[in-house]
Amino acid sequence: MKKLSTISLFIFGVVVTAILTASLIYYQNNKGVAQVSNSSQISSLVQNTLNKLKSSGVILNMTEISKHNNANDCWMLINNKVYEITSYFGKHPGGSRTMASTCGTDATAAYSTKDPSAQSSSSRIAHSSNAQNLLSEYYLGDFNQTVK
């Protein structure tokens, strides 16, 4: 009986340690990420970004996009359209790391294949129409467009 209790206690300890470790990893991956809960907040954040860009006449080219290359300031190019997706971190079903690797890049292949390391769009696993609609909320402008 003592042996069974010892084994049970050991298994319990392993399970608790695994849960705490997973929670800590999740927390570390998502800390410092702004959480936005609704469409009007998203529109407001994107509009604020556009207003800042208008005052400086920024051109939405790869030089500008590449400056926004982390989870706290993330732009990406998808199908020749520029998106500011910073506020979507922490909500993506694939996790924040999925998006973080494509910040500041042409993410067309990654978006088209649902593979953040994809180099081409040849194996298409399309995002849902819901994802397409959601992405439109983060739209800043067309590639090489001067923001006015």
N, C-alpha and C. Protein backbone atom coordinates (compact mmCIF):
# COMPACT_ATOMS: atom_id res chain seq x y z
N MET A 1 0.83 -1.19 0.00
CA MET A 1 0.00 0.00 0.00
C MET A 1 0.87 1.25 0.00
N LYS A 2 1.99 1.20 0.75
CA LYS A 2 2.88 2.34 0.82
C LYS A 2 3.51 2.61 -0.55
N LYS A 3 3.82 1.54 -1.27
CA LYS A 3 4.40 1.66 -2.60
C LYS A 3 3.42 2.32 -3.56
N LEU A 4 2.15 1.95 -3.50
CA LEU A 4 1.11 2.52 -4.34
C LEU A 4 0.93 4.01 -4.04
N SER A 5 0.95 4.38 -2.80
CA SER A 5 0.84 5.78 -2.41
C SER A 5 2.00 6.60 -2.94
N THR A 6 3.19 6.05 -2.86
CA THR A 6 4.38 6.74 -3.35
C THR A 6 4.30 6.95 -4.86
N ILE A 7 3.89 5.93 -5.58
CA ILE A 7 3.76 6.04 -7.04
C ILE A 7 2.69 7.06 -7.40
N SER A 8 1.56 7.01 -6.72
CA SER A 8 0.47 7.96 -6.99
C SER A 8 0.92 9.39 -6.71
N LEU A 9 1.63 9.60 -5.63
CA LEU A 9 2.12 10.93 -5.30
C LEU A 9 3.13 11.42 -6.34
N PHE A 10 3.97 10.53 -6.81
CA PHE A 10 4.95 10.88 -7.85
C PHE A 10 4.23 11.29 -9.14
N ILE A 11 3.25 10.53 -9.57
CA ILE A 11 2.49 10.84 -10.79
C ILE A 11 1.76 12.17 -10.64
N PHE A 12 1.18 12.41 -9.49
CA PHE A 12 0.50 13.68 -9.22
C PHE A 12 1.49 14.84 -9.35
N GLY A 13 2.66 14.68 -8.80
CA GLY A 13 3.69 15.72 -8.87
C GLY A 13 4.11 16.01 -10.31
N VAL A 14 4.25 14.97 -11.11
CA VAL A 14 4.62 15.14 -12.52
C VAL A 14 3.52 15.90 -13.26
N VAL A 15 2.27 15.54 -13.03
CA VAL A 15 1.14 16.20 -13.71
C VAL A 15 1.07 17.67 -13.31
N VAL A 16 1.18 17.98 -12.04
CA VAL A 16 1.15 19.37 -11.57
C VAL A 16 2.31 20.16 -12.17
N THR A 17 3.49 19.58 -12.20
CA THR A 17 4.65 20.25 -12.79
C THR A 17 4.42 20.52 -14.28
N ALA A 18 3.87 19.58 -14.99
CA ALA A 18 3.59 19.75 -16.43
C ALA A 18 2.58 20.87 -16.65
N ILE A 19 1.55 20.92 -15.85
CA ILE A 19 0.53 21.98 -15.99
C ILE A 19 1.14 23.34 -15.69
N LEU A 20 1.92 23.44 -14.65
CA LEU A 20 2.55 24.72 -14.30
C LEU A 20 3.54 25.16 -15.38
N THR A 21 4.29 24.23 -15.92
CA THR A 21 5.25 24.55 -16.98
C THR A 21 4.52 25.04 -18.23
N ALA A 22 3.46 24.36 -18.62
CA ALA A 22 2.68 24.78 -19.80
C ALA A 22 2.07 26.16 -19.58
N SER A 23 1.58 26.42 -18.39
CA SER A 23 1.01 27.74 -18.08
C SER A 23 2.07 28.83 -18.16
N LEU A 24 3.25 28.55 -17.64
CA LEU A 24 4.33 29.53 -17.68
C LEU A 24 4.76 29.81 -19.11
N ILE A 25 4.86 28.79 -19.93
CA ILE A 25 5.22 28.99 -21.34
C ILE A 25 4.16 29.82 -22.04
N TYR A 26 2.89 29.51 -21.81
CA TYR A 26 1.80 30.29 -22.41
C TYR A 26 1.88 31.75 -21.97
N TYR A 27 2.10 31.97 -20.71
CA TYR A 27 2.20 33.34 -20.17
C TYR A 27 3.37 34.08 -20.80
N GLN A 28 4.52 33.45 -20.90
CA GLN A 28 5.70 34.09 -21.48
C GLN A 28 5.47 34.44 -22.95
N ASN A 29 4.76 33.58 -23.67
CA ASN A 29 4.50 33.84 -25.09
C ASN A 29 3.50 34.96 -25.29
N ASN A 30 2.67 35.24 -24.32
CA ASN A 30 1.59 36.22 -24.51
C ASN A 30 1.69 37.46 -23.64
N LYS A 31 2.72 37.57 -22.82
CA LYS A 31 2.81 38.76 -21.97
C LYS A 31 3.20 39.97 -22.81
N GLY A 32 2.69 41.10 -22.43
CA GLY A 32 2.99 42.33 -23.15
C GLY A 32 2.23 42.49 -24.44
N VAL A 33 1.32 41.57 -24.74
CA VAL A 33 0.55 41.65 -25.96
C VAL A 33 -0.78 42.32 -25.67
N ALA A 34 -1.06 43.37 -26.42
CA ALA A 34 -2.30 44.11 -26.22
C ALA A 34 -3.49 43.24 -26.62
N GLN A 35 -4.48 43.18 -25.77
CA GLN A 35 -5.69 42.43 -26.07
C GLN A 35 -6.78 43.40 -26.53
N VAL A 36 -7.34 43.15 -27.69
CA VAL A 36 -8.43 43.96 -28.21
C VAL A 36 -9.63 43.05 -28.35
N SER A 37 -10.76 43.51 -27.87
CA SER A 37 -11.88 42.60 -27.78
C SER A 37 -12.96 42.77 -28.84
N ASN A 38 -13.05 43.91 -29.50
CA ASN A 38 -14.13 44.04 -30.46
C ASN A 38 -13.72 44.83 -31.69
N SER A 39 -14.58 44.79 -32.69
CA SER A 39 -14.30 45.39 -33.98
C SER A 39 -14.09 46.89 -33.90
N SER A 40 -14.85 47.58 -33.06
CA SER A 40 -14.69 49.04 -32.97
C SER A 40 -13.33 49.41 -32.37
N GLN A 41 -12.83 48.61 -31.43
CA GLN A 41 -11.50 48.87 -30.88
C GLN A 41 -10.43 48.63 -31.95
N ILE A 42 -10.61 47.60 -32.74
CA ILE A 42 -9.66 47.31 -33.82
C ILE A 42 -9.65 48.47 -34.81
N SER A 43 -10.83 48.89 -35.24
CA SER A 43 -10.93 49.99 -36.19
C SER A 43 -10.29 51.25 -35.64
N SER A 44 -10.48 51.50 -34.38
CA SER A 44 -9.90 52.68 -33.74
C SER A 44 -8.37 52.61 -33.75
N LEU A 45 -7.81 51.45 -33.41
CA LEU A 45 -6.36 51.29 -33.41
C LEU A 45 -5.77 51.44 -34.80
N VAL A 46 -6.41 50.82 -35.79
CA VAL A 46 -5.92 50.92 -37.16
C VAL A 46 -6.05 52.36 -37.65
N GLN A 47 -7.16 53.02 -37.32
CA GLN A 47 -7.35 54.41 -37.73
C GLN A 47 -6.29 55.32 -37.09
N ASN A 48 -5.96 55.08 -35.84
CA ASN A 48 -4.89 55.85 -35.18
C ASN A 48 -3.56 55.68 -35.91
N THR A 49 -3.27 54.46 -36.30
CA THR A 49 -2.04 54.20 -37.05
C THR A 49 -2.07 54.95 -38.37
N LEU A 50 -3.21 54.90 -39.06
CA LEU A 50 -3.33 55.60 -40.34
C LEU A 50 -3.17 57.11 -40.17
N ASN A 51 -3.74 57.66 -39.12
CA ASN A 51 -3.61 59.10 -38.87
C ASN A 51 -2.15 59.50 -38.65
N LYS A 52 -1.42 58.68 -37.92
CA LYS A 52 0.01 58.96 -37.72
C LYS A 52 0.77 58.89 -39.03
N LEU A 53 0.42 57.92 -39.87
CA LEU A 53 1.10 57.75 -41.15
C LEU A 53 0.79 58.90 -42.11
N LYS A 54 -0.45 59.38 -42.08
CA LYS A 54 -0.86 60.46 -42.97
C LYS A 54 -0.04 61.73 -42.72
N SER A 55 0.25 61.98 -41.48
CA SER A 55 0.98 63.21 -41.16
C SER A 55 2.42 63.18 -41.69
N SER A 56 2.95 61.99 -41.96
CA SER A 56 4.32 61.90 -42.44
C SER A 56 4.43 61.44 -43.89
N GLY A 57 3.30 61.13 -44.55
CA GLY A 57 3.31 60.71 -45.95
C GLY A 57 4.10 59.44 -46.20
N VAL A 58 3.92 58.45 -45.36
CA VAL A 58 4.65 57.19 -45.45
C VAL A 58 4.22 56.39 -46.68
N ILE A 59 5.19 55.76 -47.32
CA ILE A 59 4.91 54.84 -48.43
C ILE A 59 4.92 53.43 -47.85
N LEU A 60 3.87 52.68 -48.13
CA LEU A 60 3.75 51.31 -47.60
C LEU A 60 4.56 50.34 -48.46
N ASN A 61 5.87 50.43 -48.35
CA ASN A 61 6.76 49.55 -49.10
C ASN A 61 7.45 48.60 -48.12
N MET A 62 8.29 47.72 -48.64
CA MET A 62 8.94 46.71 -47.78
C MET A 62 9.88 47.36 -46.76
N THR A 63 10.46 48.48 -47.09
CA THR A 63 11.32 49.17 -46.13
C THR A 63 10.51 49.57 -44.90
N GLU A 64 9.33 50.13 -45.14
CA GLU A 64 8.47 50.55 -44.02
C GLU A 64 7.90 49.34 -43.29
N ILE A 65 7.43 48.35 -44.04
CA ILE A 65 6.83 47.16 -43.42
C ILE A 65 7.85 46.44 -42.54
N SER A 66 9.09 46.35 -43.00
CA SER A 66 10.11 45.62 -42.25
C SER A 66 10.46 46.28 -40.92
N LYS A 67 10.13 47.54 -40.74
CA LYS A 67 10.36 48.22 -39.46
C LYS A 67 9.41 47.72 -38.37
N HIS A 68 8.31 47.14 -38.77
CA HIS A 68 7.26 46.69 -37.83
C HIS A 68 7.31 45.17 -37.75
N ASN A 69 8.32 44.67 -37.04
CA ASN A 69 8.67 43.25 -37.14
C ASN A 69 8.63 42.48 -35.83
N ASN A 70 7.76 42.89 -34.89
CA ASN A 70 7.68 42.13 -33.64
C ASN A 70 6.25 42.16 -33.11
N ALA A 71 5.99 41.40 -32.07
CA ALA A 71 4.64 41.24 -31.54
C ALA A 71 4.04 42.53 -30.99
N ASN A 72 4.87 43.49 -30.63
CA ASN A 72 4.36 44.75 -30.11
C ASN A 72 4.14 45.79 -31.20
N ASP A 73 4.53 45.49 -32.42
CA ASP A 73 4.36 46.38 -33.57
C ASP A 73 4.52 45.52 -34.81
N CYS A 74 3.40 44.95 -35.27
CA CYS A 74 3.46 43.94 -36.33
C CYS A 74 2.64 44.34 -37.55
N TRP A 75 3.35 44.55 -38.64
CA TRP A 75 2.72 44.75 -39.94
C TRP A 75 3.13 43.58 -40.81
N MET A 76 2.29 43.26 -41.77
CA MET A 76 2.65 42.25 -42.75
C MET A 76 1.98 42.53 -44.08
N LEU A 77 2.58 42.02 -45.12
CA LEU A 77 2.08 42.16 -46.48
C LEU A 77 1.45 40.83 -46.87
N ILE A 78 0.18 40.87 -47.29
CA ILE A 78 -0.50 39.67 -47.76
C ILE A 78 -1.24 40.04 -49.04
N ASN A 79 -0.89 39.37 -50.11
CA ASN A 79 -1.52 39.62 -51.41
C ASN A 79 -1.51 41.09 -51.80
N ASN A 80 -0.35 41.73 -51.63
CA ASN A 80 -0.14 43.14 -51.99
C ASN A 80 -1.00 44.12 -51.20
N LYS A 81 -1.41 43.72 -50.01
CA LYS A 81 -2.11 44.60 -49.08
C LYS A 81 -1.37 44.58 -47.75
N VAL A 82 -1.30 45.74 -47.12
CA VAL A 82 -0.55 45.87 -45.86
C VAL A 82 -1.54 45.86 -44.70
N TYR A 83 -1.22 45.05 -43.69
CA TYR A 83 -2.07 44.91 -42.51
C TYR A 83 -1.27 45.20 -41.25
N GLU A 84 -1.92 45.83 -40.28
CA GLU A 84 -1.33 46.11 -38.97
C GLU A 84 -2.05 45.21 -37.98
N ILE A 85 -1.45 44.08 -37.63
CA ILE A 85 -2.14 43.04 -36.87
C ILE A 85 -1.71 42.94 -35.41
N THR A 86 -1.03 43.94 -34.91
CA THR A 86 -0.51 43.89 -33.54
C THR A 86 -1.58 43.50 -32.53
N SER A 87 -2.75 44.09 -32.65
CA SER A 87 -3.80 43.84 -31.65
C SER A 87 -4.42 42.45 -31.76
N TYR A 88 -4.06 41.68 -32.78
CA TYR A 88 -4.60 40.32 -32.91
C TYR A 88 -3.76 39.28 -32.16
N PHE A 89 -2.58 39.69 -31.69
CA PHE A 89 -1.75 38.76 -30.94
C PHE A 89 -2.50 38.30 -29.69
N GLY A 90 -2.38 37.02 -29.37
CA GLY A 90 -3.07 36.45 -28.23
C GLY A 90 -4.43 35.88 -28.60
N LYS A 91 -4.89 36.13 -29.82
CA LYS A 91 -6.19 35.62 -30.24
C LYS A 91 -6.10 34.59 -31.37
N HIS A 92 -5.00 34.57 -32.08
CA HIS A 92 -4.86 33.70 -33.24
C HIS A 92 -4.94 32.24 -32.80
N PRO A 93 -5.79 31.43 -33.46
CA PRO A 93 -5.94 30.03 -33.07
C PRO A 93 -4.64 29.24 -33.14
N GLY A 94 -3.73 29.65 -34.01
CA GLY A 94 -2.45 28.96 -34.14
C GLY A 94 -1.41 29.44 -33.15
N GLY A 95 -1.76 30.42 -32.33
CA GLY A 95 -0.85 30.96 -31.33
C GLY A 95 -0.08 32.15 -31.84
N SER A 96 0.47 32.90 -30.92
CA SER A 96 1.19 34.13 -31.25
C SER A 96 2.46 33.86 -32.03
N ARG A 97 3.14 32.75 -31.76
CA ARG A 97 4.38 32.45 -32.47
C ARG A 97 4.14 32.26 -33.96
N THR A 98 2.96 31.76 -34.31
CA THR A 98 2.62 31.57 -35.72
C THR A 98 2.70 32.90 -36.46
N MET A 99 2.18 33.94 -35.85
CA MET A 99 2.16 35.25 -36.49
C MET A 99 3.49 35.98 -36.32
N ALA A 100 4.12 35.83 -35.18
CA ALA A 100 5.33 36.60 -34.87
C ALA A 100 6.43 36.40 -35.91
N SER A 101 6.55 35.21 -36.44
CA SER A 101 7.62 34.95 -37.40
C SER A 101 7.40 35.64 -38.73
N THR A 102 6.19 36.14 -38.98
CA THR A 102 5.91 36.81 -40.25
C THR A 102 5.77 38.32 -40.12
N CYS A 103 5.95 38.85 -38.94
CA CYS A 103 5.88 40.30 -38.76
C CYS A 103 6.98 40.97 -39.57
N GLY A 104 6.62 42.05 -40.26
CA GLY A 104 7.59 42.81 -41.04
C GLY A 104 8.01 42.15 -42.34
N THR A 105 7.22 41.19 -42.82
CA THR A 105 7.59 40.45 -44.04
C THR A 105 6.41 40.38 -45.00
N ASP A 106 6.70 39.84 -46.19
CA ASP A 106 5.64 39.46 -47.11
C ASP A 106 5.14 38.10 -46.62
N ALA A 107 3.98 38.09 -46.01
CA ALA A 107 3.44 36.88 -45.39
C ALA A 107 2.42 36.17 -46.27
N THR A 108 2.41 36.48 -47.56
CA THR A 108 1.43 35.89 -48.47
C THR A 108 1.50 34.37 -48.46
N ALA A 109 2.69 33.81 -48.60
CA ALA A 109 2.83 32.35 -48.63
C ALA A 109 2.42 31.74 -47.30
N ALA A 110 2.81 32.36 -46.20
CA ALA A 110 2.45 31.84 -44.88
C ALA A 110 0.95 31.87 -44.67
N TYR A 111 0.31 32.96 -45.10
CA TYR A 111 -1.14 33.09 -44.94
C TYR A 111 -1.87 32.10 -45.85
N SER A 112 -1.38 31.95 -47.07
CA SER A 112 -2.04 31.07 -48.05
C SER A 112 -1.94 29.60 -47.68
N THR A 113 -0.89 29.22 -46.97
CA THR A 113 -0.68 27.81 -46.66
C THR A 113 -0.89 27.47 -45.18
N LYS A 114 -1.10 28.49 -44.36
CA LYS A 114 -1.18 28.31 -42.91
C LYS A 114 0.11 27.73 -42.35
N ASP A 115 1.22 28.08 -42.98
CA ASP A 115 2.54 27.61 -42.55
C ASP A 115 3.46 28.82 -42.46
N PRO A 116 3.84 29.24 -41.24
CA PRO A 116 4.64 30.45 -41.08
C PRO A 116 6.01 30.39 -41.74
N SER A 117 6.49 29.21 -42.09
CA SER A 117 7.80 29.11 -42.74
C SER A 117 7.69 28.84 -44.23
N ALA A 118 6.48 28.90 -44.79
CA ALA A 118 6.29 28.62 -46.21
C ALA A 118 7.00 29.64 -47.08
N GLN A 119 7.60 29.18 -48.15
CA GLN A 119 8.29 30.05 -49.09
C GLN A 119 7.46 30.28 -50.35
N SER A 120 6.46 29.43 -50.59
CA SER A 120 5.59 29.61 -51.75
C SER A 120 4.17 29.23 -51.36
N SER A 121 3.23 29.61 -52.19
CA SER A 121 1.82 29.35 -51.92
C SER A 121 1.32 28.11 -52.65
N SER A 122 2.21 27.22 -53.05
CA SER A 122 1.83 26.09 -53.89
C SER A 122 0.88 25.11 -53.20
N SER A 123 1.06 24.84 -51.94
CA SER A 123 0.16 23.92 -51.23
C SER A 123 -0.83 24.75 -50.42
N ARG A 124 -1.92 25.09 -51.03
CA ARG A 124 -2.88 26.01 -50.42
C ARG A 124 -3.79 25.29 -49.42
N ILE A 125 -3.82 25.80 -48.22
CA ILE A 125 -4.79 25.40 -47.20
C ILE A 125 -5.40 26.72 -46.76
N ALA A 126 -6.42 27.12 -47.46
CA ALA A 126 -6.95 28.47 -47.31
C ALA A 126 -7.52 28.74 -45.92
N HIS A 127 -7.35 29.97 -45.49
CA HIS A 127 -8.02 30.43 -44.28
C HIS A 127 -9.52 30.52 -44.57
N SER A 128 -10.31 30.47 -43.53
CA SER A 128 -11.76 30.53 -43.68
C SER A 128 -12.22 31.91 -44.14
N SER A 129 -13.47 32.00 -44.57
CA SER A 129 -14.02 33.31 -44.95
C SER A 129 -14.09 34.21 -43.72
N ASN A 130 -14.25 33.64 -42.55
CA ASN A 130 -14.24 34.42 -41.32
C ASN A 130 -12.87 35.07 -41.11
N ALA A 131 -11.81 34.31 -41.37
CA ALA A 131 -10.46 34.85 -41.24
C ALA A 131 -10.24 35.95 -42.27
N GLN A 132 -10.74 35.76 -43.48
CA GLN A 132 -10.62 36.78 -44.52
C GLN A 132 -11.30 38.07 -44.09
N ASN A 133 -12.51 37.95 -43.56
CA ASN A 133 -13.25 39.13 -43.10
C ASN A 133 -12.54 39.81 -41.94
N LEU A 134 -12.02 39.02 -41.02
CA LEU A 134 -11.31 39.55 -39.88
C LEU A 134 -10.06 40.30 -40.32
N LEU A 135 -9.34 39.73 -41.27
CA LEU A 135 -8.12 40.36 -41.77
C LEU A 135 -8.41 41.75 -42.35
N SER A 136 -9.55 41.90 -43.00
CA SER A 136 -9.88 43.19 -43.61
C SER A 136 -9.98 44.31 -42.57
N GLU A 137 -10.25 43.97 -41.32
CA GLU A 137 -10.34 44.99 -40.27
C GLU A 137 -8.98 45.59 -39.95
N TYR A 138 -7.91 44.91 -40.31
CA TYR A 138 -6.55 45.35 -39.99
C TYR A 138 -5.85 46.02 -41.18
N TYR A 139 -6.57 46.27 -42.24
CA TYR A 139 -6.04 46.80 -43.49
C TYR A 139 -5.55 48.23 -43.34
N LEU A 140 -4.30 48.48 -43.75
CA LEU A 140 -3.74 49.83 -43.74
C LEU A 140 -3.76 50.46 -45.13
N GLY A 141 -3.47 49.67 -46.15
CA GLY A 141 -3.43 50.19 -47.51
C GLY A 141 -2.78 49.20 -48.44
N ASP A 142 -2.72 49.58 -49.72
CA ASP A 142 -2.10 48.72 -50.72
C ASP A 142 -0.59 48.88 -50.71
N PHE A 143 0.09 47.86 -51.14
CA PHE A 143 1.55 47.86 -51.22
C PHE A 143 2.01 48.99 -52.15
N ASN A 144 3.02 49.71 -51.72
CA ASN A 144 3.62 50.85 -52.42
C ASN A 144 2.71 52.08 -52.50
N GLN A 145 1.62 52.07 -51.74
CA GLN A 145 0.73 53.22 -51.67
C GLN A 145 1.30 54.25 -50.70
N THR A 146 1.17 55.53 -51.06
CA THR A 146 1.52 56.60 -50.14
C THR A 146 0.29 56.90 -49.30
N VAL A 147 0.42 56.85 -48.00
CA VAL A 147 -0.70 57.09 -47.11
C VAL A 147 -0.96 58.59 -47.07
N LYS A 148 -2.17 59.01 -47.44
CA LYS A 148 -2.53 60.44 -47.47
C LYS A 148 -3.75 60.69 -46.63
